[in-house]
Amino acid sequence: MEYLRKRMKFLLIITFSVAIILFVQYEINYDKTLDIKKVGIYMTLLKIACGGYGLYGLIQFFRVK
């Protein structure tokens, strides 16, 4: 239990990062009213930022002592 308690913050970071990436990917693929030229760059940047933050959470998850 102590193992998970120390790592709970990083589990939440990973979970929310993956959820945001999936939501953005869903919106890009299934919302036909989106103008990809206007919001495509912002959504791509959001996916990259969430991916990096999720990677940070994954690395820190295994580094916690």
N, C-alpha and C. Protein backbone atom coordinates (compact mmCIF):
# COMPACT_ATOMS: atom_id res chain seq x y z
N MET A 1 0.82 -1.19 0.00
CA MET A 1 0.00 0.00 0.00
C MET A 1 0.87 1.26 0.00
N GLU A 2 1.97 1.21 0.74
CA GLU A 2 2.89 2.35 0.78
C GLU A 2 3.47 2.61 -0.60
N TYR A 3 3.70 1.55 -1.36
CA TYR A 3 4.24 1.66 -2.71
C TYR A 3 3.31 2.50 -3.59
N LEU A 4 2.03 2.20 -3.55
CA LEU A 4 1.07 2.94 -4.37
C LEU A 4 0.81 4.34 -3.84
N ARG A 5 0.85 4.53 -2.55
CA ARG A 5 0.61 5.85 -1.98
C ARG A 5 1.66 6.85 -2.45
N LYS A 6 2.92 6.42 -2.51
CA LYS A 6 3.99 7.30 -2.96
C LYS A 6 3.86 7.62 -4.45
N ARG A 7 3.24 6.73 -5.20
CA ARG A 7 3.18 6.88 -6.64
C ARG A 7 1.83 7.35 -7.16
N MET A 8 0.90 7.67 -6.29
CA MET A 8 -0.45 8.05 -6.69
C MET A 8 -0.45 9.31 -7.55
N LYS A 9 0.38 10.29 -7.21
CA LYS A 9 0.43 11.54 -7.98
C LYS A 9 0.84 11.25 -9.42
N PHE A 10 1.78 10.37 -9.61
CA PHE A 10 2.26 10.07 -10.95
C PHE A 10 1.27 9.22 -11.73
N LEU A 11 0.53 8.37 -11.04
CA LEU A 11 -0.55 7.63 -11.70
C LEU A 11 -1.62 8.58 -12.22
N LEU A 12 -1.95 9.61 -11.43
CA LEU A 12 -2.93 10.59 -11.87
C LEU A 12 -2.42 11.39 -13.07
N ILE A 13 -1.15 11.77 -13.05
CA ILE A 13 -0.56 12.49 -14.17
C ILE A 13 -0.65 11.65 -15.45
N ILE A 14 -0.29 10.39 -15.35
CA ILE A 14 -0.34 9.50 -16.51
C ILE A 14 -1.77 9.33 -17.00
N THR A 15 -2.71 9.12 -16.09
CA THR A 15 -4.11 8.91 -16.46
C THR A 15 -4.69 10.13 -17.16
N PHE A 16 -4.49 11.32 -16.60
CA PHE A 16 -5.06 12.51 -17.22
C PHE A 16 -4.37 12.87 -18.53
N SER A 17 -3.10 12.60 -18.65
CA SER A 17 -2.40 12.85 -19.90
C SER A 17 -2.94 11.96 -21.01
N VAL A 18 -3.13 10.70 -20.72
CA VAL A 18 -3.68 9.78 -21.72
C VAL A 18 -5.12 10.15 -22.06
N ALA A 19 -5.90 10.57 -21.07
CA ALA A 19 -7.28 10.96 -21.33
C ALA A 19 -7.35 12.19 -22.24
N ILE A 20 -6.49 13.16 -22.03
CA ILE A 20 -6.49 14.36 -22.86
C ILE A 20 -6.05 14.02 -24.28
N ILE A 21 -5.03 13.18 -24.42
CA ILE A 21 -4.58 12.77 -25.75
C ILE A 21 -5.69 12.04 -26.50
N LEU A 22 -6.38 11.13 -25.82
CA LEU A 22 -7.48 10.40 -26.47
C LEU A 22 -8.63 11.33 -26.85
N PHE A 23 -8.96 12.29 -26.00
CA PHE A 23 -10.03 13.23 -26.30
C PHE A 23 -9.69 14.09 -27.51
N VAL A 24 -8.47 14.60 -27.56
CA VAL A 24 -8.05 15.43 -28.69
C VAL A 24 -8.05 14.61 -29.97
N GLN A 25 -7.55 13.39 -29.90
CA GLN A 25 -7.54 12.54 -31.08
C GLN A 25 -8.95 12.23 -31.55
N TYR A 26 -9.86 11.99 -30.63
CA TYR A 26 -11.26 11.74 -30.98
C TYR A 26 -11.88 12.96 -31.66
N GLU A 27 -11.64 14.14 -31.11
CA GLU A 27 -12.20 15.36 -31.68
C GLU A 27 -11.66 15.63 -33.08
N ILE A 28 -10.38 15.39 -33.28
CA ILE A 28 -9.80 15.61 -34.61
C ILE A 28 -10.41 14.66 -35.63
N ASN A 29 -10.62 13.40 -35.25
CA ASN A 29 -11.08 12.41 -36.21
C ASN A 29 -12.59 12.45 -36.47
N TYR A 30 -13.40 12.80 -35.48
CA TYR A 30 -14.84 12.63 -35.63
C TYR A 30 -15.65 13.91 -35.68
N ASP A 31 -15.06 15.05 -35.42
CA ASP A 31 -15.80 16.31 -35.50
C ASP A 31 -15.54 16.94 -36.86
N LYS A 32 -16.51 16.83 -37.74
CA LYS A 32 -16.33 17.31 -39.12
C LYS A 32 -16.44 18.83 -39.23
N THR A 33 -16.92 19.51 -38.18
CA THR A 33 -17.06 20.96 -38.25
C THR A 33 -15.78 21.69 -37.85
N LEU A 34 -14.78 20.96 -37.37
CA LEU A 34 -13.52 21.58 -37.00
C LEU A 34 -12.76 22.04 -38.24
N ASP A 35 -12.21 23.23 -38.18
CA ASP A 35 -11.34 23.70 -39.23
C ASP A 35 -9.91 23.33 -38.83
N ILE A 36 -9.39 22.29 -39.44
CA ILE A 36 -8.09 21.74 -39.04
C ILE A 36 -6.98 22.76 -39.23
N LYS A 37 -7.12 23.64 -40.21
CA LYS A 37 -6.07 24.64 -40.42
C LYS A 37 -5.96 25.60 -39.24
N LYS A 38 -7.10 25.90 -38.59
CA LYS A 38 -7.08 26.83 -37.46
C LYS A 38 -6.66 26.16 -36.15
N VAL A 39 -7.25 25.03 -35.87
CA VAL A 39 -7.01 24.40 -34.56
C VAL A 39 -6.05 23.23 -34.62
N GLY A 40 -5.63 22.84 -35.80
CA GLY A 40 -4.75 21.68 -35.93
C GLY A 40 -3.43 21.86 -35.22
N ILE A 41 -2.85 23.05 -35.35
CA ILE A 41 -1.56 23.31 -34.71
C ILE A 41 -1.71 23.28 -33.19
N TYR A 42 -2.79 23.88 -32.68
CA TYR A 42 -2.99 23.92 -31.23
C TYR A 42 -3.25 22.52 -30.68
N MET A 43 -4.03 21.72 -31.39
CA MET A 43 -4.30 20.36 -30.92
C MET A 43 -3.04 19.51 -30.99
N THR A 44 -2.22 19.70 -32.00
CA THR A 44 -0.97 18.96 -32.09
C THR A 44 -0.04 19.35 -30.94
N LEU A 45 0.05 20.63 -30.64
CA LEU A 45 0.87 21.08 -29.51
C LEU A 45 0.34 20.53 -28.19
N LEU A 46 -0.98 20.47 -28.05
CA LEU A 46 -1.58 19.92 -26.83
C LEU A 46 -1.24 18.44 -26.68
N LYS A 47 -1.31 17.70 -27.78
CA LYS A 47 -0.96 16.27 -27.73
C LYS A 47 0.50 16.08 -27.38
N ILE A 48 1.38 16.91 -27.94
CA ILE A 48 2.81 16.80 -27.64
C ILE A 48 3.08 17.12 -26.18
N ALA A 49 2.43 18.18 -25.67
CA ALA A 49 2.64 18.57 -24.27
C ALA A 49 2.13 17.48 -23.33
N CYS A 50 0.96 16.93 -23.61
CA CYS A 50 0.42 15.88 -22.75
C CYS A 50 1.25 14.62 -22.84
N GLY A 51 1.77 14.32 -24.00
CA GLY A 51 2.64 13.16 -24.15
C GLY A 51 3.92 13.33 -23.34
N GLY A 52 4.49 14.52 -23.38
CA GLY A 52 5.71 14.78 -22.61
C GLY A 52 5.45 14.73 -21.12
N TYR A 53 4.32 15.29 -20.70
CA TYR A 53 3.99 15.27 -19.28
C TYR A 53 3.68 13.84 -18.81
N GLY A 54 3.03 13.07 -19.67
CA GLY A 54 2.77 11.67 -19.34
C GLY A 54 4.05 10.86 -19.24
N LEU A 55 4.99 11.15 -20.14
CA LEU A 55 6.29 10.49 -20.08
C LEU A 55 7.04 10.86 -18.81
N TYR A 56 6.95 12.13 -18.41
CA TYR A 56 7.53 12.56 -17.14
C TYR A 56 6.93 11.77 -15.98
N GLY A 57 5.60 11.63 -15.98
CA GLY A 57 4.93 10.88 -14.91
C GLY A 57 5.36 9.43 -14.88
N LEU A 58 5.53 8.84 -16.06
CA LEU A 58 5.96 7.45 -16.13
C LEU A 58 7.37 7.26 -15.60
N ILE A 59 8.26 8.16 -15.97
CA ILE A 59 9.64 8.07 -15.49
C ILE A 59 9.70 8.28 -13.98
N GLN A 60 8.99 9.29 -13.48
CA GLN A 60 9.00 9.55 -12.05
C GLN A 60 8.33 8.43 -11.24
N PHE A 61 7.36 7.77 -11.86
CA PHE A 61 6.69 6.65 -11.19
C PHE A 61 7.71 5.57 -10.78
N PHE A 62 8.68 5.32 -11.64
CA PHE A 62 9.66 4.27 -11.34
C PHE A 62 10.86 4.81 -10.58
N ARG A 63 11.01 6.12 -10.47
CA ARG A 63 12.16 6.68 -9.75
C ARG A 63 11.88 6.90 -8.27
N VAL A 64 10.64 6.97 -7.86
CA VAL A 64 10.29 7.25 -6.46
C VAL A 64 10.81 6.12 -5.57
N LYS A 65 11.43 6.52 -4.49
CA LYS A 65 11.96 5.52 -3.55
C LYS A 65 11.11 5.43 -2.31
